[in-house]
């Protein structure tokens, strides 16, 4: 069997550790406030969606 000339291509390092996340307290105050508002809104929407689903006879899979 004849070997074809292959060009060596470096493999991507898919499993290297990601860059460290910033410390919460190092973020600007405006960013922290926005994140907290968004998380609060998402949690309320999720809870309200479950309440409506259960009231309508839906299942709670969690």
N, C-alpha and C. Protein backbone atom coordinates (compact mmCIF):
# COMPACT_ATOMS: atom_id res chain seq x y z
N UNK A 1 0.84 -1.17 0.00
CA UNK A 1 0.00 0.00 0.00
C UNK A 1 0.89 1.24 0.00
N UNK A 2 0.55 2.16 -0.81
CA UNK A 2 1.36 3.36 -0.98
C UNK A 2 0.89 4.45 -0.01
N UNK A 3 1.81 5.08 0.67
CA UNK A 3 1.48 6.17 1.59
C UNK A 3 1.42 7.48 0.82
N UNK A 4 0.35 8.20 1.05
CA UNK A 4 0.23 9.51 0.42
C UNK A 4 0.98 10.52 1.28
N UNK A 5 1.57 11.49 0.64
CA UNK A 5 2.26 12.54 1.39
C UNK A 5 1.24 13.38 2.14
N UNK A 6 1.29 13.30 3.46
CA UNK A 6 0.34 14.06 4.27
C UNK A 6 1.04 15.25 4.90
N UNK A 7 0.35 16.32 4.93
CA UNK A 7 0.88 17.51 5.57
C UNK A 7 0.52 17.44 7.05
N UNK A 8 1.49 17.68 7.91
CA UNK A 8 1.24 17.63 9.35
C UNK A 8 0.47 18.89 9.75
N UNK A 9 -0.73 18.68 10.29
CA UNK A 9 -1.55 19.78 10.77
C UNK A 9 -1.71 19.60 12.26
N UNK A 10 -1.37 20.61 13.05
CA UNK A 10 -1.50 20.46 14.50
C UNK A 10 -2.97 20.28 14.91
N UNK A 11 -3.19 19.39 15.85
CA UNK A 11 -4.54 19.13 16.33
C UNK A 11 -4.94 20.22 17.31
N UNK A 12 -6.20 20.61 17.25
CA UNK A 12 -6.70 21.61 18.18
C UNK A 12 -6.69 21.06 19.59
N UNK A 13 -6.39 21.88 20.53
CA UNK A 13 -6.36 21.47 21.92
C UNK A 13 -7.75 21.69 22.51
N UNK A 14 -8.63 20.72 22.32
CA UNK A 14 -10.03 20.87 22.71
C UNK A 14 -10.26 20.77 24.20
N UNK A 15 -9.35 20.12 24.92
CA UNK A 15 -9.61 19.84 26.32
C UNK A 15 -8.70 20.60 27.26
N UNK A 16 -8.09 21.64 26.78
CA UNK A 16 -7.25 22.44 27.69
C UNK A 16 -8.16 23.23 28.62
N UNK A 17 -7.65 23.61 29.75
CA UNK A 17 -8.46 24.34 30.70
C UNK A 17 -8.78 25.72 30.15
N UNK A 18 -10.01 26.13 30.38
CA UNK A 18 -10.46 27.43 29.89
C UNK A 18 -9.80 28.54 30.70
N UNK A 19 -9.84 29.72 30.16
CA UNK A 19 -9.27 30.84 30.90
C UNK A 19 -10.09 31.05 32.18
N UNK A 20 -9.46 31.49 33.23
CA UNK A 20 -10.18 31.63 34.49
C UNK A 20 -11.29 32.67 34.40
N UNK A 21 -12.38 32.40 35.08
CA UNK A 21 -13.49 33.34 35.10
C UNK A 21 -13.14 34.51 36.00
N UNK A 22 -13.66 35.68 35.69
CA UNK A 22 -13.38 36.82 36.56
C UNK A 22 -14.08 36.65 37.90
N UNK A 23 -13.47 37.18 38.91
CA UNK A 23 -14.06 37.16 40.23
C UNK A 23 -15.29 38.06 40.21
N UNK A 24 -16.38 37.61 40.84
CA UNK A 24 -17.64 38.36 40.86
C UNK A 24 -17.41 39.79 41.33
N UNK A 25 -16.63 39.95 42.37
CA UNK A 25 -16.44 41.29 42.95
C UNK A 25 -15.52 42.16 42.12
N UNK A 26 -14.84 41.58 41.15
CA UNK A 26 -13.99 42.37 40.27
C UNK A 26 -14.78 42.97 39.11
N UNK A 27 -15.99 42.47 38.89
CA UNK A 27 -16.83 43.01 37.83
C UNK A 27 -17.34 44.39 38.23
N UNK A 28 -17.59 45.25 37.26
CA UNK A 28 -18.14 46.57 37.58
C UNK A 28 -19.51 46.43 38.27
N UNK A 29 -19.81 47.37 39.15
CA UNK A 29 -21.08 47.33 39.90
C UNK A 29 -22.27 47.28 38.95
N UNK A 30 -22.23 48.00 37.84
CA UNK A 30 -23.34 48.01 36.89
C UNK A 30 -23.55 46.61 36.29
N UNK A 31 -22.47 45.93 35.99
CA UNK A 31 -22.55 44.58 35.43
C UNK A 31 -23.16 43.61 36.44
N UNK A 32 -22.70 43.68 37.69
CA UNK A 32 -23.25 42.81 38.74
C UNK A 32 -24.74 43.05 38.91
N UNK A 33 -25.16 44.31 38.89
CA UNK A 33 -26.58 44.65 39.05
C UNK A 33 -27.41 44.10 37.90
N UNK A 34 -26.90 44.24 36.69
CA UNK A 34 -27.64 43.73 35.52
C UNK A 34 -27.78 42.21 35.56
N UNK A 35 -26.69 41.54 35.93
CA UNK A 35 -26.72 40.08 36.01
C UNK A 35 -27.74 39.64 37.07
N UNK A 36 -27.73 40.28 38.22
CA UNK A 36 -28.68 39.92 39.27
C UNK A 36 -30.12 40.15 38.83
N UNK A 37 -30.37 41.24 38.14
CA UNK A 37 -31.74 41.50 37.64
C UNK A 37 -32.17 40.44 36.63
N UNK A 38 -31.26 40.09 35.71
CA UNK A 38 -31.58 39.07 34.70
C UNK A 38 -31.83 37.70 35.34
N UNK A 39 -30.97 37.31 36.28
CA UNK A 39 -31.14 36.02 36.95
C UNK A 39 -32.45 35.99 37.74
N UNK A 40 -32.77 37.07 38.41
CA UNK A 40 -34.02 37.14 39.17
C UNK A 40 -35.21 37.00 38.23
N UNK A 41 -35.16 37.70 37.11
CA UNK A 41 -36.25 37.62 36.13
C UNK A 41 -36.39 36.21 35.57
N UNK A 42 -35.26 35.58 35.23
CA UNK A 42 -35.31 34.21 34.69
C UNK A 42 -35.89 33.23 35.72
N UNK A 43 -35.48 33.36 36.97
CA UNK A 43 -36.01 32.47 38.01
C UNK A 43 -37.51 32.67 38.21
N UNK A 44 -37.96 33.91 38.19
CA UNK A 44 -39.41 34.19 38.32
C UNK A 44 -40.18 33.60 37.14
N UNK A 45 -39.64 33.81 35.93
CA UNK A 45 -40.31 33.27 34.74
C UNK A 45 -40.36 31.75 34.77
N UNK A 46 -39.28 31.12 35.21
CA UNK A 46 -39.26 29.67 35.27
C UNK A 46 -40.28 29.17 36.30
N UNK A 47 -40.30 29.80 37.47
CA UNK A 47 -41.25 29.39 38.51
C UNK A 47 -42.68 29.61 38.03
N UNK A 48 -42.95 30.76 37.42
CA UNK A 48 -44.31 31.03 36.94
C UNK A 48 -44.72 30.06 35.84
N UNK A 49 -43.78 29.67 35.00
CA UNK A 49 -44.08 28.70 33.95
C UNK A 49 -44.45 27.35 34.54
N UNK A 50 -43.76 26.94 35.60
CA UNK A 50 -44.07 25.66 36.25
C UNK A 50 -45.43 25.72 36.93
N UNK A 51 -45.72 26.85 37.59
CA UNK A 51 -47.01 26.99 38.26
C UNK A 51 -48.14 26.92 37.25
N UNK A 52 -47.98 27.61 36.11
CA UNK A 52 -49.03 27.58 35.09
C UNK A 52 -49.17 26.19 34.48
N UNK A 53 -48.06 25.50 34.27
CA UNK A 53 -48.11 24.15 33.69
C UNK A 53 -48.81 23.18 34.65
N UNK A 54 -48.51 23.28 35.94
CA UNK A 54 -49.15 22.39 36.92
C UNK A 54 -50.64 22.70 37.04
N UNK A 55 -51.00 23.99 36.98
CA UNK A 55 -52.40 24.37 37.08
C UNK A 55 -53.18 23.88 35.87
N UNK A 56 -52.51 23.77 34.72
CA UNK A 56 -53.16 23.32 33.49
C UNK A 56 -53.13 21.79 33.38
N UNK A 57 -52.64 21.11 34.41
CA UNK A 57 -52.62 19.65 34.38
C UNK A 57 -51.34 19.10 33.80
N UNK A 58 -50.33 19.93 33.62
CA UNK A 58 -49.05 19.47 33.08
C UNK A 58 -48.25 18.72 34.13
N UNK A 59 -47.15 18.15 33.69
CA UNK A 59 -46.29 17.40 34.60
C UNK A 59 -45.14 18.27 35.05
N UNK A 60 -44.66 17.99 36.22
CA UNK A 60 -43.45 18.62 36.71
C UNK A 60 -42.36 17.57 36.66
N UNK A 61 -41.51 17.62 35.65
CA UNK A 61 -40.48 16.61 35.45
C UNK A 61 -39.26 16.79 36.31
N UNK A 62 -39.22 17.84 37.07
CA UNK A 62 -38.02 18.08 37.88
C UNK A 62 -38.22 17.63 39.29
